[in-house]
N, C-alpha and C. Protein backbone atom coordinates (compact mmCIF):
# COMPACT_ATOMS: atom_id res chain seq x y z
N MET A 1 15.88 -7.90 -3.22
CA MET A 1 15.09 -8.95 -3.29
C MET A 1 14.87 -9.57 -1.93
N LYS A 2 13.64 -9.77 -1.49
CA LYS A 2 13.44 -10.25 -0.10
C LYS A 2 13.87 -11.82 -0.02
N ASN A 3 14.19 -12.32 1.03
CA ASN A 3 14.60 -13.74 1.12
C ASN A 3 13.24 -14.51 1.19
N ASN A 4 13.02 -15.82 1.10
CA ASN A 4 11.72 -16.50 1.16
C ASN A 4 11.16 -16.51 2.45
N GLY A 5 11.85 -16.42 3.51
CA GLY A 5 11.31 -16.36 4.86
C GLY A 5 10.48 -15.10 5.07
N THR A 6 11.25 -13.88 4.75
CA THR A 6 10.74 -12.67 4.86
C THR A 6 9.45 -12.56 4.09
N ALA A 7 9.61 -12.88 2.64
CA ALA A 7 8.55 -12.80 1.78
C ALA A 7 7.14 -13.69 2.27
N TYR A 8 7.43 -14.66 2.80
CA TYR A 8 6.41 -15.73 3.43
C TYR A 8 5.64 -14.91 4.73
N MET A 9 6.60 -14.18 5.66
CA MET A 9 5.89 -13.53 6.62
C MET A 9 5.09 -12.34 6.10
N ILE A 10 5.57 -11.61 5.18
CA ILE A 10 4.95 -10.59 4.64
C ILE A 10 3.57 -11.06 4.08
N PHE A 11 3.65 -12.15 3.44
CA PHE A 11 2.29 -12.73 2.92
C PHE A 11 1.41 -13.16 4.09
N VAL A 12 2.05 -13.62 5.17
CA VAL A 12 1.24 -14.02 6.33
C VAL A 12 0.53 -13.00 7.11
N LEU A 13 1.21 -11.69 6.98
CA LEU A 13 0.71 -10.57 7.53
C LEU A 13 -0.59 -10.28 6.81
N GLY A 14 -0.39 -10.22 5.43
CA GLY A 14 -1.57 -9.53 4.48
C GLY A 14 -2.67 -10.43 4.39
N TYR A 15 -2.37 -11.81 4.30
CA TYR A 15 -3.35 -12.81 4.25
C TYR A 15 -4.08 -13.24 5.33
N ASP A 16 -3.24 -13.35 6.43
CA ASP A 16 -3.89 -13.89 7.61
C ASP A 16 -4.00 -12.72 8.72
N LEU A 17 -2.95 -12.36 9.36
CA LEU A 17 -3.09 -11.55 10.54
C LEU A 17 -3.58 -10.27 10.13
N LEU A 18 -3.45 -9.40 9.15
CA LEU A 18 -3.78 -8.07 9.14
C LEU A 18 -5.02 -8.06 7.79
N GLN A 19 -5.37 -9.13 7.39
CA GLN A 19 -6.52 -9.30 6.37
C GLN A 19 -7.73 -8.42 6.90
N LYS A 20 -8.27 -8.56 7.91
CA LYS A 20 -9.32 -7.92 8.38
C LYS A 20 -9.21 -6.28 8.43
N GLU A 21 -8.18 -5.96 8.99
CA GLU A 21 -7.71 -4.42 8.97
C GLU A 21 -7.42 -3.81 7.54
N LEU A 22 -6.96 -4.59 6.77
CA LEU A 22 -6.57 -4.06 5.34
C LEU A 22 -7.80 -4.16 4.47
N THR A 23 -8.75 -5.13 4.59
CA THR A 23 -10.03 -5.11 3.79
C THR A 23 -10.93 -4.17 4.36
N SER A 24 -10.74 -3.54 5.57
CA SER A 24 -11.81 -2.79 6.03
C SER A 24 -11.70 -1.28 5.36
N TYR A 25 -10.86 -1.13 4.49
CA TYR A 25 -10.55 0.14 3.73
C TYR A 25 -10.98 -0.35 2.25
N ASN A 26 -11.90 0.29 1.71
CA ASN A 26 -12.46 0.02 0.46
C ASN A 26 -11.35 0.31 -0.67
N ASP A 27 -11.29 -0.75 -1.51
CA ASP A 27 -10.48 -0.45 -2.61
C ASP A 27 -8.91 -0.40 -2.17
N CYS A 28 -8.36 -1.27 -1.39
CA CYS A 28 -6.95 -1.28 -0.82
C CYS A 28 -6.14 -1.82 -1.84
N PRO A 29 -5.42 -0.86 -2.43
CA PRO A 29 -4.60 -1.46 -3.61
C PRO A 29 -3.67 -2.47 -2.98
N CYS A 30 -3.24 -3.55 -3.89
CA CYS A 30 -2.35 -4.53 -3.50
C CYS A 30 -0.81 -4.18 -3.00
N ASP A 31 -0.58 -3.05 -3.93
CA ASP A 31 0.88 -2.63 -3.71
C ASP A 31 0.99 -1.87 -2.36
N LEU A 32 0.04 -0.99 -1.91
CA LEU A 32 -0.13 -0.37 -0.66
C LEU A 32 -0.09 -1.35 0.47
N ALA A 33 -1.06 -2.53 0.38
CA ALA A 33 -1.00 -3.57 1.34
C ALA A 33 0.18 -4.17 1.60
N TYR A 34 0.98 -4.43 0.43
CA TYR A 34 2.35 -5.00 0.50
C TYR A 34 3.30 -4.20 1.31
N GLU A 35 3.26 -2.89 0.96
CA GLU A 35 4.24 -1.91 1.50
C GLU A 35 3.84 -1.78 3.07
N ILE A 36 2.75 -1.85 3.42
CA ILE A 36 2.28 -1.83 4.88
C ILE A 36 2.67 -2.84 5.53
N CYS A 37 2.59 -4.02 5.17
CA CYS A 37 2.92 -5.38 5.83
C CYS A 37 4.41 -5.28 5.63
N CYS A 38 5.33 -4.82 4.79
CA CYS A 38 6.62 -4.99 4.90
C CYS A 38 7.11 -4.11 5.79
N ASP A 39 6.52 -2.73 6.18
CA ASP A 39 6.85 -1.87 7.09
C ASP A 39 6.77 -2.58 8.48
N ILE A 40 5.39 -2.87 8.71
CA ILE A 40 5.24 -3.57 9.87
C ILE A 40 5.77 -4.70 10.42
N TYR A 41 6.34 -5.74 9.35
CA TYR A 41 7.08 -6.79 9.66
C TYR A 41 8.59 -6.29 9.99
N ASN A 42 9.01 -5.21 9.37
CA ASN A 42 10.39 -4.79 9.74
C ASN A 42 10.29 -4.01 11.13
N GLU A 43 9.23 -3.53 11.45
CA GLU A 43 9.33 -3.01 12.85
C GLU A 43 9.03 -4.18 13.87
N PHE A 44 8.44 -5.34 13.59
CA PHE A 44 8.22 -6.43 14.44
C PHE A 44 9.80 -7.00 14.52
N LEU A 45 10.57 -6.96 13.58
CA LEU A 45 11.84 -7.49 13.67
C LEU A 45 12.69 -6.82 14.52
N ASP A 46 12.46 -5.55 14.72
CA ASP A 46 13.19 -4.53 15.61
C ASP A 46 12.71 -4.82 16.99
N SER A 47 11.74 -5.47 17.36
CA SER A 47 11.06 -5.61 18.60
C SER A 47 11.72 -6.71 19.44
N GLU A 48 11.62 -6.78 20.87
CA GLU A 48 11.84 -7.83 21.65
C GLU A 48 11.27 -9.16 21.40
N GLU A 49 9.96 -8.98 20.83
CA GLU A 49 9.17 -9.96 20.72
C GLU A 49 9.53 -10.98 19.66
N ALA A 50 10.47 -10.26 18.76
CA ALA A 50 10.79 -11.08 17.62
C ALA A 50 11.89 -12.29 18.04
N GLU A 51 12.57 -11.97 19.43
CA GLU A 51 13.46 -12.83 19.70
C GLU A 51 12.95 -13.99 20.77
N GLN A 52 11.85 -14.11 21.03
CA GLN A 52 11.30 -15.08 21.71
C GLN A 52 11.40 -16.52 21.33
N ASP A 53 11.50 -17.41 22.27
CA ASP A 53 11.84 -18.88 21.96
C ASP A 53 10.37 -19.39 21.41
N LYS A 54 9.88 -19.13 20.54
CA LYS A 54 8.74 -19.49 19.81
C LYS A 54 8.74 -19.37 18.28
N SER A 55 7.76 -19.89 17.59
CA SER A 55 7.80 -19.85 16.20
C SER A 55 7.62 -18.49 15.84
N GLU A 56 8.20 -18.15 14.67
CA GLU A 56 8.12 -16.80 14.08
C GLU A 56 6.63 -16.23 14.10
N TYR A 57 5.71 -17.08 13.53
CA TYR A 57 4.31 -16.87 13.38
C TYR A 57 3.61 -16.50 14.88
N GLU A 58 3.93 -17.22 15.79
CA GLU A 58 3.50 -16.88 17.05
C GLU A 58 3.81 -15.77 17.76
N CYS A 59 5.23 -15.36 17.44
CA CYS A 59 5.77 -14.05 17.92
C CYS A 59 5.10 -13.03 17.16
N LEU A 60 5.11 -13.10 15.98
CA LEU A 60 4.52 -11.97 15.12
C LEU A 60 2.87 -11.89 15.43
N GLN A 61 2.18 -12.88 15.54
CA GLN A 61 0.69 -12.75 16.13
C GLN A 61 0.79 -12.10 17.44
N GLU A 62 1.52 -12.47 18.41
CA GLU A 62 1.46 -11.88 19.70
C GLU A 62 1.88 -10.38 19.56
N TRP A 63 2.96 -10.10 18.96
CA TRP A 63 3.13 -8.74 18.74
C TRP A 63 2.04 -7.86 18.10
N ILE A 64 1.41 -8.39 16.91
CA ILE A 64 0.30 -7.83 16.44
C ILE A 64 -0.99 -7.44 17.44
N GLU A 65 -1.20 -8.59 18.16
CA GLU A 65 -2.33 -8.44 19.27
C GLU A 65 -1.89 -7.40 20.39
N SER A 66 -0.69 -7.38 20.69
CA SER A 66 -0.27 -6.33 21.67
C SER A 66 0.04 -4.98 21.23
N HIS A 67 -0.20 -4.57 19.94
CA HIS A 67 -0.03 -3.46 19.40
C HIS A 67 -1.17 -2.94 18.37
N PRO A 68 -2.43 -3.25 18.72
CA PRO A 68 -3.39 -2.72 18.03
C PRO A 68 -3.63 -1.30 17.61
N GLY A 69 -3.33 -0.46 18.53
CA GLY A 69 -3.38 1.14 18.14
C GLY A 69 -2.24 1.62 17.13
N THR A 70 -1.12 0.83 17.46
CA THR A 70 0.12 1.26 16.48
C THR A 70 -0.21 0.64 15.17
N ILE A 71 -0.90 -0.47 15.11
CA ILE A 71 -1.10 -1.18 13.78
C ILE A 71 -2.18 -0.21 13.06
N SER A 72 -3.20 0.00 13.76
CA SER A 72 -4.22 0.94 13.18
C SER A 72 -3.69 2.14 12.74
N ARG A 73 -3.15 2.80 13.54
CA ARG A 73 -2.44 4.15 13.18
C ARG A 73 -1.66 4.05 11.92
N TYR A 74 -0.75 3.15 11.84
CA TYR A 74 0.02 2.93 10.69
C TYR A 74 -0.72 2.83 9.44
N ILE A 75 -1.65 1.79 9.48
CA ILE A 75 -2.50 1.65 8.19
C ILE A 75 -3.32 2.86 7.80
N GLU A 76 -3.84 3.75 8.79
CA GLU A 76 -4.60 4.73 8.57
C GLU A 76 -3.90 5.99 8.00
N GLN A 77 -2.38 6.00 8.36
CA GLN A 77 -1.59 6.93 7.79
C GLN A 77 -1.35 6.73 6.45
N ASN A 78 -1.01 5.50 6.20
CA ASN A 78 -0.78 5.07 4.67
C ASN A 78 -1.85 5.34 3.88
N PHE A 79 -3.17 4.91 4.29
CA PHE A 79 -4.08 5.38 3.33
C PHE A 79 -4.39 7.00 3.12
N ARG A 80 -4.10 7.70 4.25
CA ARG A 80 -4.27 9.28 4.11
C ARG A 80 -3.04 9.59 3.12
N LEU A 81 -1.90 9.02 3.27
CA LEU A 81 -0.93 9.44 2.20
C LEU A 81 -1.15 9.04 0.78
N MET A 82 -1.92 7.97 0.55
CA MET A 82 -2.43 7.55 -0.53
C MET A 82 -3.41 8.61 -1.26
N GLU A 83 -4.14 9.02 -0.60
CA GLU A 83 -5.36 10.05 -0.96
C GLU A 83 -4.78 11.37 -1.20
N ASP A 84 -3.80 11.78 -0.57
CA ASP A 84 -3.12 12.95 -1.00
C ASP A 84 -2.62 13.17 -2.32
């Protein structure tokens, strides 16, 4: 089970920071959106941006903004896997 901080940041990704990208795909299942957000958050945690002296939200937001191609490709790959 994920701790409360991790669960909250995954929620922030899905509900706030990546909402537009996730809803641009018709019929995005909630479980797939959750898995995408989990994986993206874990990738963020492995980055240097996660170690900055700012709030975790700010660091995550900046990381998302600086990696738009990576985020888009990751979402598209997951949707392709779902269709197969």
